[in-house]
Amino acid sequence: MDAIPARLDHLVLATPELAATVADFTLRTGIAPVAGGAHVGLGTRNYLVSLGGSRYLEILGPDPEQSEPSGPRPFGVDALSGARTVTWAISPPDLDAAVAAARAQGYDPGPVRAMSRRRPDGTLLEWRLTDGDTAHPSGLVPFLIDWSASPHPTASGLPVAPLLELAATAPAPDEIRPLLSAVGVELALTEGPVGLSFTVNTPRGAVTFG
């Protein structure tokens, strides 16, 4: 099994303290994430680092410049006590076909909805993704994303920390593997508490984040 899943688009490192987590990443790796933009109305913003090729890391947390959102912030940010790798995304060649195929195999990734954000340089990014209560709550099964004609986040010249490995633990790995198969991916899974971790190559050596 490859250390990096096929069609990986990005990893989500969520945090209740965005500035502190960005500073910690910079300190540990010697690489400074760059501002991505705000998710208007959702109460969050992000910082980004390329993981090599068309893969990237999204560090996501509360946006102090936005008022409190009407509902919970994405990725369970409000309930976090510290930074944690909460989930990951894949980019299939045909999002709608991939969703239909997963449902045919007994797993519903959730409805597809449109989202957007504006980069600091004013460029509007638009994408569609799967999102919903039917998705697996562990975060170990990736959500699906389609950037279509929009510029990919990695096209803006992000600093690079090449991804070396993505791995996960689950109390019952054999229950997760069929769900991964339903969305067409494999992930290195071992038994343990629910968790995702990734390792990147940096000027300060290999660094792992959980």
N, C-alpha and C. Protein backbone atom coordinates (compact mmCIF):
# COMPACT_ATOMS: atom_id res chain seq x y z
N MET A 1 0.85 -1.20 0.00
CA MET A 1 0.00 0.00 0.00
C MET A 1 0.89 1.25 0.00
N ASP A 2 0.55 2.22 -0.85
CA ASP A 2 1.32 3.45 -0.91
C ASP A 2 1.16 4.25 0.38
N ALA A 3 2.23 4.95 0.77
CA ALA A 3 2.17 5.78 1.98
C ALA A 3 1.29 7.00 1.77
N ILE A 4 1.07 7.37 0.50
CA ILE A 4 0.22 8.52 0.18
C ILE A 4 -0.95 8.03 -0.66
N PRO A 5 -2.19 8.18 -0.19
CA PRO A 5 -3.34 7.69 -0.95
C PRO A 5 -3.48 8.35 -2.32
N ALA A 6 -3.95 7.57 -3.26
CA ALA A 6 -4.21 8.11 -4.60
C ALA A 6 -5.29 9.18 -4.54
N ARG A 7 -5.15 10.19 -5.39
CA ARG A 7 -6.15 11.26 -5.56
C ARG A 7 -6.29 12.14 -4.32
N LEU A 8 -5.32 12.06 -3.40
CA LEU A 8 -5.36 12.94 -2.24
C LEU A 8 -5.34 14.40 -2.69
N ASP A 9 -6.29 15.18 -2.20
CA ASP A 9 -6.34 16.60 -2.53
C ASP A 9 -5.76 17.43 -1.39
N HIS A 10 -6.31 17.24 -0.17
CA HIS A 10 -5.74 17.98 0.95
C HIS A 10 -6.08 17.34 2.28
N LEU A 11 -5.32 17.73 3.29
CA LEU A 11 -5.53 17.33 4.67
C LEU A 11 -6.05 18.53 5.43
N VAL A 12 -6.86 18.28 6.45
CA VAL A 12 -7.42 19.37 7.26
C VAL A 12 -6.88 19.26 8.68
N LEU A 13 -6.05 20.23 9.06
CA LEU A 13 -5.56 20.36 10.43
C LEU A 13 -6.37 21.46 11.08
N ALA A 14 -7.36 21.08 11.89
CA ALA A 14 -8.26 22.05 12.51
C ALA A 14 -7.74 22.45 13.89
N THR A 15 -8.05 23.67 14.28
CA THR A 15 -7.51 24.19 15.53
C THR A 15 -8.44 25.24 16.13
N PRO A 16 -8.51 25.32 17.46
CA PRO A 16 -9.28 26.40 18.06
C PRO A 16 -8.51 27.71 18.12
N GLU A 17 -7.18 27.65 17.90
CA GLU A 17 -6.32 28.83 17.96
C GLU A 17 -5.47 28.88 16.69
N LEU A 18 -5.99 29.53 15.66
CA LEU A 18 -5.35 29.48 14.35
C LEU A 18 -3.95 30.09 14.37
N ALA A 19 -3.80 31.27 14.92
CA ALA A 19 -2.49 31.93 14.92
C ALA A 19 -1.45 31.09 15.65
N ALA A 20 -1.84 30.50 16.78
CA ALA A 20 -0.90 29.70 17.57
C ALA A 20 -0.49 28.43 16.81
N THR A 21 -1.41 27.82 16.11
CA THR A 21 -1.10 26.60 15.37
C THR A 21 -0.22 26.90 14.17
N VAL A 22 -0.47 28.01 13.49
CA VAL A 22 0.39 28.42 12.38
C VAL A 22 1.80 28.69 12.89
N ALA A 23 1.91 29.35 14.03
CA ALA A 23 3.23 29.62 14.61
C ALA A 23 3.94 28.34 15.01
N ASP A 24 3.19 27.38 15.56
CA ASP A 24 3.78 26.10 15.95
C ASP A 24 4.28 25.33 14.74
N PHE A 25 3.48 25.32 13.66
CA PHE A 25 3.90 24.64 12.44
C PHE A 25 5.18 25.27 11.90
N THR A 26 5.24 26.59 11.91
CA THR A 26 6.43 27.29 11.43
C THR A 26 7.65 26.96 12.27
N LEU A 27 7.47 26.92 13.58
CA LEU A 27 8.57 26.62 14.49
C LEU A 27 9.09 25.20 14.30
N ARG A 28 8.19 24.25 14.14
CA ARG A 28 8.59 22.85 14.04
C ARG A 28 9.18 22.49 12.69
N THR A 29 8.74 23.17 11.64
CA THR A 29 9.15 22.78 10.29
C THR A 29 10.12 23.74 9.62
N GLY A 30 10.13 24.99 10.07
CA GLY A 30 10.91 26.00 9.37
C GLY A 30 10.21 26.51 8.12
N ILE A 31 8.92 26.16 7.96
CA ILE A 31 8.12 26.56 6.80
C ILE A 31 6.92 27.36 7.30
N ALA A 32 6.74 28.56 6.77
CA ALA A 32 5.64 29.42 7.22
C ALA A 32 4.42 29.26 6.31
N PRO A 33 3.30 28.74 6.83
CA PRO A 33 2.08 28.66 6.02
C PRO A 33 1.64 30.05 5.56
N VAL A 34 0.96 30.11 4.43
CA VAL A 34 0.48 31.39 3.91
C VAL A 34 -1.04 31.47 4.05
N ALA A 35 -1.53 32.70 4.18
CA ALA A 35 -2.97 32.91 4.35
C ALA A 35 -3.72 32.44 3.11
N GLY A 36 -4.77 31.67 3.34
CA GLY A 36 -5.60 31.20 2.24
C GLY A 36 -6.78 32.12 2.00
N GLY A 37 -7.56 32.35 3.05
CA GLY A 37 -8.72 33.22 2.95
C GLY A 37 -9.78 32.84 3.96
N ALA A 38 -10.85 33.62 3.99
CA ALA A 38 -11.93 33.41 4.95
C ALA A 38 -13.07 32.62 4.32
N HIS A 39 -13.73 31.82 5.14
CA HIS A 39 -14.96 31.14 4.74
C HIS A 39 -16.11 32.00 5.29
N VAL A 40 -16.55 32.92 4.47
CA VAL A 40 -17.51 33.93 4.91
C VAL A 40 -18.82 33.29 5.36
N GLY A 41 -19.27 33.67 6.53
CA GLY A 41 -20.52 33.15 7.08
C GLY A 41 -20.34 31.90 7.91
N LEU A 42 -19.18 31.24 7.78
CA LEU A 42 -18.93 30.01 8.54
C LEU A 42 -18.03 30.26 9.75
N GLY A 43 -17.46 31.47 9.82
CA GLY A 43 -16.66 31.82 10.99
C GLY A 43 -15.25 31.28 11.00
N THR A 44 -14.74 30.83 9.86
CA THR A 44 -13.39 30.27 9.83
C THR A 44 -12.56 30.91 8.72
N ARG A 45 -11.25 30.73 8.83
CA ARG A 45 -10.33 31.07 7.75
C ARG A 45 -9.22 30.03 7.77
N ASN A 46 -8.34 30.06 6.75
CA ASN A 46 -7.32 29.03 6.70
C ASN A 46 -5.96 29.58 6.29
N TYR A 47 -4.95 28.76 6.57
CA TYR A 47 -3.58 28.95 6.09
C TYR A 47 -3.19 27.66 5.37
N LEU A 48 -2.32 27.78 4.37
CA LEU A 48 -2.04 26.65 3.49
C LEU A 48 -0.54 26.40 3.33
N VAL A 49 -0.23 25.12 3.12
CA VAL A 49 1.12 24.68 2.77
C VAL A 49 0.97 23.59 1.71
N SER A 50 1.75 23.66 0.65
CA SER A 50 1.73 22.60 -0.35
C SER A 50 2.37 21.35 0.24
N LEU A 51 1.80 20.20 -0.11
CA LEU A 51 2.37 18.91 0.30
C LEU A 51 3.08 18.24 -0.88
N GLY A 52 3.29 19.01 -1.95
CA GLY A 52 3.91 18.48 -3.15
C GLY A 52 2.86 18.15 -4.20
N GLY A 53 3.14 18.48 -5.45
CA GLY A 53 2.18 18.22 -6.53
C GLY A 53 0.91 19.00 -6.30
N SER A 54 -0.24 18.35 -6.51
CA SER A 54 -1.53 19.01 -6.34
C SER A 54 -2.16 18.66 -4.99
N ARG A 55 -1.30 18.47 -3.98
CA ARG A 55 -1.77 18.17 -2.62
C ARG A 55 -1.39 19.33 -1.71
N TYR A 56 -2.22 19.56 -0.68
CA TYR A 56 -1.87 20.64 0.25
C TYR A 56 -2.45 20.37 1.64
N LEU A 57 -1.92 21.10 2.60
CA LEU A 57 -2.40 21.08 3.97
C LEU A 57 -3.21 22.34 4.22
N GLU A 58 -4.39 22.17 4.77
CA GLU A 58 -5.23 23.29 5.18
C GLU A 58 -5.23 23.37 6.70
N ILE A 59 -4.72 24.45 7.25
CA ILE A 59 -4.80 24.71 8.69
C ILE A 59 -5.98 25.64 8.88
N LEU A 60 -7.00 25.17 9.56
CA LEU A 60 -8.29 25.88 9.61
C LEU A 60 -8.68 26.15 11.06
N GLY A 61 -9.12 27.37 11.30
CA GLY A 61 -9.56 27.73 12.65
C GLY A 61 -10.49 28.92 12.63
N PRO A 62 -10.94 29.36 13.82
CA PRO A 62 -11.86 30.49 13.91
C PRO A 62 -11.25 31.76 13.32
N ASP A 63 -12.09 32.54 12.67
CA ASP A 63 -11.68 33.81 12.08
C ASP A 63 -12.08 34.94 13.02
N PRO A 64 -11.11 35.60 13.66
CA PRO A 64 -11.47 36.65 14.62
C PRO A 64 -12.11 37.87 13.97
N GLU A 65 -12.00 37.97 12.64
CA GLU A 65 -12.58 39.13 11.95
C GLU A 65 -14.04 38.92 11.57
N GLN A 66 -14.56 37.72 11.81
CA GLN A 66 -15.96 37.45 11.52
C GLN A 66 -16.76 37.39 12.81
N SER A 67 -18.04 37.75 12.72
CA SER A 67 -18.93 37.60 13.86
C SER A 67 -19.23 36.12 14.07
N GLU A 68 -19.77 35.78 15.21
CA GLU A 68 -20.10 34.39 15.50
C GLU A 68 -21.07 33.84 14.44
N PRO A 69 -20.77 32.67 13.87
CA PRO A 69 -21.67 32.11 12.86
C PRO A 69 -22.98 31.65 13.48
N SER A 70 -23.99 31.49 12.65
CA SER A 70 -25.31 31.07 13.13
C SER A 70 -25.33 29.62 13.56
N GLY A 71 -24.38 28.81 13.04
CA GLY A 71 -24.31 27.41 13.41
C GLY A 71 -22.89 27.04 13.79
N PRO A 72 -22.64 25.76 14.06
CA PRO A 72 -21.29 25.32 14.41
C PRO A 72 -20.29 25.58 13.28
N ARG A 73 -19.06 25.90 13.62
CA ARG A 73 -18.03 26.06 12.61
C ARG A 73 -17.69 24.71 12.00
N PRO A 74 -17.17 24.71 10.76
CA PRO A 74 -16.86 23.44 10.07
C PRO A 74 -15.83 22.60 10.84
N PHE A 75 -15.88 21.30 10.60
CA PHE A 75 -14.90 20.33 11.09
C PHE A 75 -14.81 20.27 12.62
N GLY A 76 -15.90 20.63 13.30
CA GLY A 76 -15.92 20.52 14.75
C GLY A 76 -14.94 21.41 15.47
N VAL A 77 -14.56 22.53 14.83
CA VAL A 77 -13.57 23.43 15.41
C VAL A 77 -13.97 23.90 16.81
N ASP A 78 -15.25 24.17 17.02
CA ASP A 78 -15.71 24.71 18.30
C ASP A 78 -15.49 23.75 19.46
N ALA A 79 -15.42 22.45 19.17
CA ALA A 79 -15.29 21.46 20.24
C ALA A 79 -13.84 21.04 20.49
N LEU A 80 -12.90 21.55 19.71
CA LEU A 80 -11.51 21.13 19.85
C LEU A 80 -10.82 21.83 21.01
N SER A 81 -9.96 21.08 21.71
CA SER A 81 -9.15 21.68 22.78
C SER A 81 -7.75 21.99 22.29
N GLY A 82 -7.39 21.47 21.12
CA GLY A 82 -6.08 21.71 20.53
C GLY A 82 -6.10 21.34 19.07
N ALA A 83 -5.00 21.61 18.37
CA ALA A 83 -4.93 21.31 16.95
C ALA A 83 -4.98 19.80 16.72
N ARG A 84 -5.70 19.40 15.67
CA ARG A 84 -5.82 17.96 15.36
C ARG A 84 -6.11 17.79 13.87
N THR A 85 -5.49 16.77 13.28
CA THR A 85 -5.80 16.40 11.90
C THR A 85 -7.15 15.70 11.92
N VAL A 86 -8.17 16.36 11.40
CA VAL A 86 -9.54 15.87 11.58
C VAL A 86 -10.08 15.07 10.41
N THR A 87 -9.58 15.34 9.19
CA THR A 87 -10.08 14.60 8.03
C THR A 87 -9.21 14.89 6.82
N TRP A 88 -9.60 14.34 5.68
CA TRP A 88 -8.85 14.54 4.44
C TRP A 88 -9.81 14.51 3.27
N ALA A 89 -9.34 14.97 2.13
CA ALA A 89 -10.18 15.06 0.94
C ALA A 89 -9.49 14.43 -0.25
N ILE A 90 -10.29 13.82 -1.11
CA ILE A 90 -9.79 13.30 -2.38
C ILE A 90 -10.50 14.02 -3.52
N SER A 91 -9.86 14.02 -4.67
CA SER A 91 -10.44 14.67 -5.85
C SER A 91 -10.61 13.64 -6.96
N PRO A 92 -11.78 13.03 -7.04
CA PRO A 92 -12.02 12.03 -8.10
C PRO A 92 -12.19 12.70 -9.46
N PRO A 93 -11.98 11.96 -10.54
CA PRO A 93 -12.15 12.55 -11.88
C PRO A 93 -13.56 13.08 -12.13
N ASP A 94 -14.57 12.42 -11.55
CA ASP A 94 -15.97 12.82 -11.73
C ASP A 94 -16.64 12.71 -10.37
N LEU A 95 -16.86 13.85 -9.73
CA LEU A 95 -17.40 13.86 -8.37
C LEU A 95 -18.76 13.18 -8.28
N ASP A 96 -19.66 13.53 -9.18
CA ASP A 96 -21.01 12.98 -9.10
C ASP A 96 -21.02 11.47 -9.33
N ALA A 97 -20.19 11.01 -10.27
CA ALA A 97 -20.11 9.57 -10.51
C ALA A 97 -19.51 8.85 -9.31
N ALA A 98 -18.53 9.48 -8.65
CA ALA A 98 -17.91 8.86 -7.47
C ALA A 98 -18.90 8.76 -6.32
N VAL A 99 -19.73 9.78 -6.15
CA VAL A 99 -20.76 9.74 -5.10
C VAL A 99 -21.76 8.64 -5.39
N ALA A 100 -22.20 8.54 -6.65
CA ALA A 100 -23.16 7.49 -7.03
C ALA A 100 -22.56 6.11 -6.81
N ALA A 101 -21.28 5.93 -7.17
CA ALA A 101 -20.63 4.63 -7.00
C ALA A 101 -20.53 4.26 -5.53
N ALA A 102 -20.20 5.23 -4.67
CA ALA A 102 -20.11 4.96 -3.24
C ALA A 102 -21.46 4.56 -2.67
N ARG A 103 -22.50 5.25 -3.08
CA ARG A 103 -23.85 4.92 -2.60
C ARG A 103 -24.26 3.53 -3.06
N ALA A 104 -23.85 3.16 -4.26
CA ALA A 104 -24.18 1.83 -4.77
C ALA A 104 -23.50 0.73 -3.96
N GLN A 105 -22.38 1.11 -3.30
CA GLN A 105 -21.66 0.15 -2.47
C GLN A 105 -22.06 0.25 -0.99
N GLY A 106 -23.10 1.03 -0.71
CA GLY A 106 -23.63 1.08 0.65
C GLY A 106 -23.10 2.18 1.52
N TYR A 107 -22.31 3.11 0.95
CA TYR A 107 -21.79 4.23 1.76
C TYR A 107 -22.22 5.54 1.13
N ASP A 108 -22.85 6.40 1.92
CA ASP A 108 -23.30 7.70 1.42
C ASP A 108 -22.35 8.79 1.91
N PRO A 109 -21.55 9.39 1.03
CA PRO A 109 -20.62 10.44 1.45
C PRO A 109 -21.31 11.74 1.84
N GLY A 110 -22.62 11.83 1.60
CA GLY A 110 -23.35 13.05 1.89
C GLY A 110 -23.68 13.82 0.63
N PRO A 111 -24.53 14.83 0.76
CA PRO A 111 -24.91 15.63 -0.41
C PRO A 111 -23.75 16.47 -0.90
N VAL A 112 -23.83 16.84 -2.18
CA VAL A 112 -22.81 17.70 -2.78
C VAL A 112 -23.28 19.15 -2.68
N ARG A 113 -22.39 20.03 -2.18
CA ARG A 113 -22.76 21.44 -2.12
C ARG A 113 -21.62 22.31 -2.61
N ALA A 114 -21.98 23.50 -3.02
CA ALA A 114 -21.00 24.44 -3.56
C ALA A 114 -20.47 25.34 -2.46
N MET A 115 -19.18 25.68 -2.56
CA MET A 115 -18.56 26.61 -1.61
C MET A 115 -17.61 27.53 -2.37
N SER A 116 -17.17 28.57 -1.70
CA SER A 116 -16.21 29.49 -2.32
C SER A 116 -15.48 30.26 -1.23
N ARG A 117 -14.33 30.80 -1.58
CA ARG A 117 -13.62 31.77 -0.75
C ARG A 117 -12.76 32.61 -1.66
N ARG A 118 -12.38 33.78 -1.17
CA ARG A 118 -11.55 34.68 -1.96
C ARG A 118 -10.15 34.73 -1.37
N ARG A 119 -9.14 34.49 -2.23
CA ARG A 119 -7.76 34.57 -1.77
C ARG A 119 -7.41 36.01 -1.41
N PRO A 120 -6.34 36.21 -0.63
CA PRO A 120 -5.94 37.58 -0.30
C PRO A 120 -5.67 38.45 -1.52
N ASP A 121 -5.28 37.82 -2.65
CA ASP A 121 -5.03 38.61 -3.87
C ASP A 121 -6.30 38.92 -4.65
N GLY A 122 -7.45 38.50 -4.11
CA GLY A 122 -8.73 38.79 -4.74
C GLY A 122 -9.28 37.69 -5.62
N THR A 123 -8.48 36.67 -5.92
CA THR A 123 -8.94 35.58 -6.77
C THR A 123 -10.03 34.78 -6.07
N LEU A 124 -11.14 34.56 -6.76
CA LEU A 124 -12.24 33.78 -6.21
C LEU A 124 -12.04 32.30 -6.52
N LEU A 125 -12.02 31.48 -5.48
CA LEU A 125 -11.95 30.03 -5.65
C LEU A 125 -13.34 29.45 -5.40
N GLU A 126 -13.77 28.56 -6.27
CA GLU A 126 -15.08 27.93 -6.14
C GLU A 126 -14.93 26.42 -6.29
N TRP A 127 -15.62 25.67 -5.47
CA TRP A 127 -15.51 24.23 -5.51
C TRP A 127 -16.81 23.58 -5.06
N ARG A 128 -16.93 22.30 -5.35
CA ARG A 128 -18.04 21.50 -4.83
C ARG A 128 -17.47 20.38 -3.98
N LEU A 129 -18.17 20.04 -2.91
CA LEU A 129 -17.69 18.96 -2.06
C LEU A 129 -18.86 18.20 -1.44
N THR A 130 -18.56 17.01 -0.95
CA THR A 130 -19.57 16.24 -0.23
C THR A 130 -19.53 16.67 1.22
N ASP A 131 -20.71 16.80 1.80
CA ASP A 131 -20.79 17.30 3.15
C ASP A 131 -22.15 16.91 3.73
N GLY A 132 -22.12 16.29 4.90
CA GLY A 132 -23.41 15.92 5.48
C GLY A 132 -23.28 14.99 6.66
N ASP A 133 -24.39 14.81 7.37
CA ASP A 133 -24.40 13.97 8.55
C ASP A 133 -24.23 12.50 8.21
N THR A 134 -24.40 12.15 6.93
CA THR A 134 -24.27 10.75 6.55
C THR A 134 -22.80 10.34 6.39
N ALA A 135 -21.90 11.32 6.26
CA ALA A 135 -20.48 10.99 6.15
C ALA A 135 -19.99 10.37 7.45
N HIS A 136 -18.93 9.56 7.37
CA HIS A 136 -18.47 8.86 8.56
C HIS A 136 -17.93 9.84 9.59
N PRO A 137 -18.40 9.77 10.84
CA PRO A 137 -18.04 10.78 11.84
C PRO A 137 -16.57 10.76 12.26
N SER A 138 -15.85 9.67 11.98
CA SER A 138 -14.46 9.57 12.40
C SER A 138 -13.54 10.52 11.66
N GLY A 139 -13.93 10.94 10.45
CA GLY A 139 -13.05 11.73 9.61
C GLY A 139 -12.03 10.90 8.85
N LEU A 140 -12.01 9.60 9.09
CA LEU A 140 -11.04 8.73 8.44
C LEU A 140 -11.40 8.44 6.99
N VAL A 141 -12.69 8.52 6.68
CA VAL A 141 -13.13 8.33 5.29
C VAL A 141 -13.16 9.71 4.65
N PRO A 142 -12.43 9.92 3.57
CA PRO A 142 -12.30 11.28 3.03
C PRO A 142 -13.60 11.81 2.44
N PHE A 143 -13.74 13.12 2.49
CA PHE A 143 -14.80 13.73 1.71
C PHE A 143 -14.27 13.96 0.30
N LEU A 144 -15.18 14.20 -0.63
CA LEU A 144 -14.83 14.32 -2.05
C LEU A 144 -14.94 15.77 -2.48
N ILE A 145 -14.03 16.21 -3.31
CA ILE A 145 -14.00 17.61 -3.72
C ILE A 145 -13.73 17.72 -5.22
N ASP A 146 -14.31 18.76 -5.83
CA ASP A 146 -14.13 19.02 -7.26
C ASP A 146 -13.90 20.51 -7.45
N TRP A 147 -12.70 20.86 -7.94
CA TRP A 147 -12.36 22.27 -8.16
C TRP A 147 -12.81 22.75 -9.53
N SER A 148 -13.18 21.84 -10.42
CA SER A 148 -13.69 22.19 -11.74
C SER A 148 -12.76 23.18 -12.43
N ALA A 149 -13.29 24.33 -12.87
CA ALA A 149 -12.49 25.30 -13.60
C ALA A 149 -11.79 26.30 -12.69
N SER A 150 -12.01 26.19 -11.38
CA SER A 150 -11.40 27.12 -10.44
C SER A 150 -9.91 26.84 -10.28
N PRO A 151 -9.09 27.86 -10.04
CA PRO A 151 -7.68 27.61 -9.75
C PRO A 151 -7.55 26.73 -8.51
N HIS A 152 -6.66 25.76 -8.58
CA HIS A 152 -6.41 24.92 -7.40
C HIS A 152 -5.57 25.70 -6.40
N PRO A 153 -5.78 25.50 -5.10
CA PRO A 153 -4.98 26.24 -4.11
C PRO A 153 -3.47 26.12 -4.30
N THR A 154 -3.01 24.99 -4.83
CA THR A 154 -1.57 24.82 -5.00
C THR A 154 -1.03 25.63 -6.18
N ALA A 155 -1.90 26.23 -6.97
CA ALA A 155 -1.46 26.99 -8.14
C ALA A 155 -0.98 28.39 -7.78
N SER A 156 -1.07 28.75 -6.49
CA SER A 156 -0.73 30.13 -6.09
C SER A 156 0.68 30.24 -5.51
N GLY A 157 1.52 29.22 -5.73
CA GLY A 157 2.91 29.31 -5.27
C GLY A 157 3.07 29.15 -3.78
N LEU A 158 2.47 28.12 -3.20
CA LEU A 158 2.57 27.87 -1.76
C LEU A 158 3.95 27.36 -1.38
N PRO A 159 4.37 27.61 -0.13
CA PRO A 159 5.58 26.96 0.37
C PRO A 159 5.35 25.45 0.42
N VAL A 160 6.40 24.67 0.23
CA VAL A 160 6.24 23.22 0.07
C VAL A 160 6.87 22.45 1.22
N ALA A 161 6.09 21.53 1.78
CA ALA A 161 6.57 20.54 2.75
C ALA A 161 6.12 19.19 2.21
N PRO A 162 6.96 18.50 1.43
CA PRO A 162 6.52 17.27 0.77
C PRO A 162 5.96 16.25 1.76
N LEU A 163 4.81 15.71 1.42
CA LEU A 163 4.18 14.69 2.25
C LEU A 163 4.92 13.37 2.10
N LEU A 164 5.27 12.78 3.24
CA LEU A 164 5.94 11.49 3.25
C LEU A 164 4.98 10.35 3.53
N GLU A 165 3.99 10.60 4.37
CA GLU A 165 3.08 9.53 4.78
C GLU A 165 1.81 10.09 5.37
N LEU A 166 0.71 9.39 5.12
CA LEU A 166 -0.56 9.63 5.79
C LEU A 166 -1.00 8.31 6.38
N ALA A 167 -1.31 8.29 7.67
CA ALA A 167 -1.69 7.05 8.34
C ALA A 167 -2.83 7.32 9.30
N ALA A 168 -3.50 6.26 9.72
CA ALA A 168 -4.65 6.40 10.60
C ALA A 168 -4.76 5.22 11.55
N THR A 169 -5.46 5.46 12.65
CA THR A 169 -5.80 4.39 13.59
C THR A 169 -7.31 4.41 13.81
N ALA A 170 -7.87 3.24 14.07
CA ALA A 170 -9.29 3.10 14.33
C ALA A 170 -9.51 1.91 15.25
N PRO A 171 -10.51 1.96 16.13
CA PRO A 171 -10.76 0.82 17.03
C PRO A 171 -11.06 -0.46 16.27
N ALA A 172 -11.71 -0.35 15.12
CA ALA A 172 -12.06 -1.52 14.30
C ALA A 172 -11.73 -1.20 12.84
N PRO A 173 -10.45 -1.32 12.45
CA PRO A 173 -10.05 -0.97 11.08
C PRO A 173 -10.84 -1.67 10.00
N ASP A 174 -11.26 -2.92 10.26
CA ASP A 174 -11.99 -3.67 9.23
C ASP A 174 -13.37 -3.07 8.95
N GLU A 175 -13.87 -2.23 9.85
CA GLU A 175 -15.14 -1.56 9.58
C GLU A 175 -14.94 -0.33 8.69
N ILE A 176 -13.74 0.21 8.69
CA ILE A 176 -13.45 1.42 7.90
C ILE A 176 -13.04 1.07 6.48
N ARG A 177 -12.32 -0.03 6.31
CA ARG A 177 -11.75 -0.36 5.00
C ARG A 177 -12.81 -0.47 3.89
N PRO A 178 -13.97 -1.09 4.12
CA PRO A 178 -14.98 -1.14 3.04
C PRO A 178 -15.50 0.24 2.65
N LEU A 179 -15.52 1.18 3.61
CA LEU A 179 -15.98 2.53 3.31
C LEU A 179 -14.95 3.27 2.47
N LEU A 180 -13.67 3.05 2.78
CA LEU A 180 -12.60 3.61 1.95
C LEU A 180 -12.68 3.06 0.53
N SER A 181 -12.92 1.76 0.45
CA SER A 181 -13.03 1.12 -0.86
C SER A 181 -14.20 1.70 -1.66
N ALA A 182 -15.28 2.04 -0.97
CA ALA A 182 -16.46 2.57 -1.65
C ALA A 182 -16.17 3.90 -2.33
N VAL A 183 -15.22 4.68 -1.78
CA VAL A 183 -14.87 5.95 -2.43
C VAL A 183 -13.58 5.82 -3.24
N GLY A 184 -13.09 4.58 -3.37
CA GLY A 184 -11.99 4.30 -4.29
C GLY A 184 -10.61 4.61 -3.79
N VAL A 185 -10.39 4.52 -2.45
CA VAL A 185 -9.06 4.81 -1.92
C VAL A 185 -8.63 3.76 -0.92
N GLU A 186 -7.34 3.75 -0.63
CA GLU A 186 -6.77 2.95 0.44
C GLU A 186 -6.05 3.88 1.41
N LEU A 187 -5.98 3.46 2.68
CA LEU A 187 -5.31 4.24 3.70
C LEU A 187 -4.66 3.29 4.69
N ALA A 188 -3.41 3.56 5.06
CA ALA A 188 -2.72 2.73 6.04
C ALA A 188 -3.45 2.84 7.39
N LEU A 189 -4.07 1.74 7.81
CA LEU A 189 -4.89 1.72 9.02
C LEU A 189 -4.37 0.69 10.01
N THR A 190 -4.24 1.08 11.27
CA THR A 190 -3.90 0.14 12.34
C THR A 190 -4.90 0.32 13.48
N GLU A 191 -4.93 -0.64 14.39
CA GLU A 191 -5.89 -0.60 15.49
C GLU A 191 -5.44 0.39 16.55
N GLY A 192 -6.39 1.16 17.06
CA GLY A 192 -6.11 2.14 18.09
C GLY A 192 -7.24 3.15 18.17
N PRO A 193 -7.08 4.18 19.00
CA PRO A 193 -8.10 5.24 19.05
C PRO A 193 -8.21 5.93 17.70
N VAL A 194 -9.38 6.48 17.41
CA VAL A 194 -9.57 7.18 16.13
C VAL A 194 -8.55 8.31 16.00
N GLY A 195 -7.80 8.31 14.90
CA GLY A 195 -6.83 9.37 14.70
C GLY A 195 -6.20 9.34 13.32
N LEU A 196 -5.85 10.51 12.83
CA LEU A 196 -5.12 10.67 11.57
C LEU A 196 -3.79 11.33 11.88
N SER A 197 -2.73 10.91 11.20
CA SER A 197 -1.44 11.58 11.34
C SER A 197 -0.77 11.66 9.98
N PHE A 198 0.05 12.68 9.82
CA PHE A 198 0.79 12.82 8.57
C PHE A 198 2.21 13.28 8.88
N THR A 199 3.12 12.89 8.01
CA THR A 199 4.53 13.24 8.17
C THR A 199 4.99 13.99 6.93
N VAL A 200 5.68 15.10 7.16
CA VAL A 200 6.18 15.92 6.05
C VAL A 200 7.70 16.06 6.15
N ASN A 201 8.30 16.26 5.00
CA ASN A 201 9.74 16.49 4.92
C ASN A 201 9.98 17.99 4.97
N THR A 202 10.83 18.44 5.86
CA THR A 202 11.02 19.87 6.08
C THR A 202 12.51 20.18 6.22
N PRO A 203 12.87 21.47 6.21
CA PRO A 203 14.26 21.83 6.46
C PRO A 203 14.77 21.36 7.83
N ARG A 204 13.87 21.03 8.72
CA ARG A 204 14.25 20.56 10.05
C ARG A 204 14.05 19.05 10.20
N GLY A 205 13.96 18.37 9.05
CA GLY A 205 13.79 16.93 9.06
C GLY A 205 12.34 16.51 8.94
N ALA A 206 12.10 15.22 9.08
CA ALA A 206 10.73 14.70 9.02
C ALA A 206 9.98 15.10 10.28
N VAL A 207 8.78 15.67 10.11
CA VAL A 207 7.96 16.11 11.22
C VAL A 207 6.58 15.50 11.08
N THR A 208 6.06 14.96 12.19
CA THR A 208 4.75 14.31 12.18
C THR A 208 3.75 15.14 12.96
N PHE A 209 2.55 15.27 12.40
CA PHE A 209 1.45 15.96 13.05
C PHE A 209 0.29 14.98 13.21
N GLY A 210 -0.35 15.01 14.37
CA GLY A 210 -1.50 14.15 14.62
C GLY A 210 -2.80 14.90 14.54
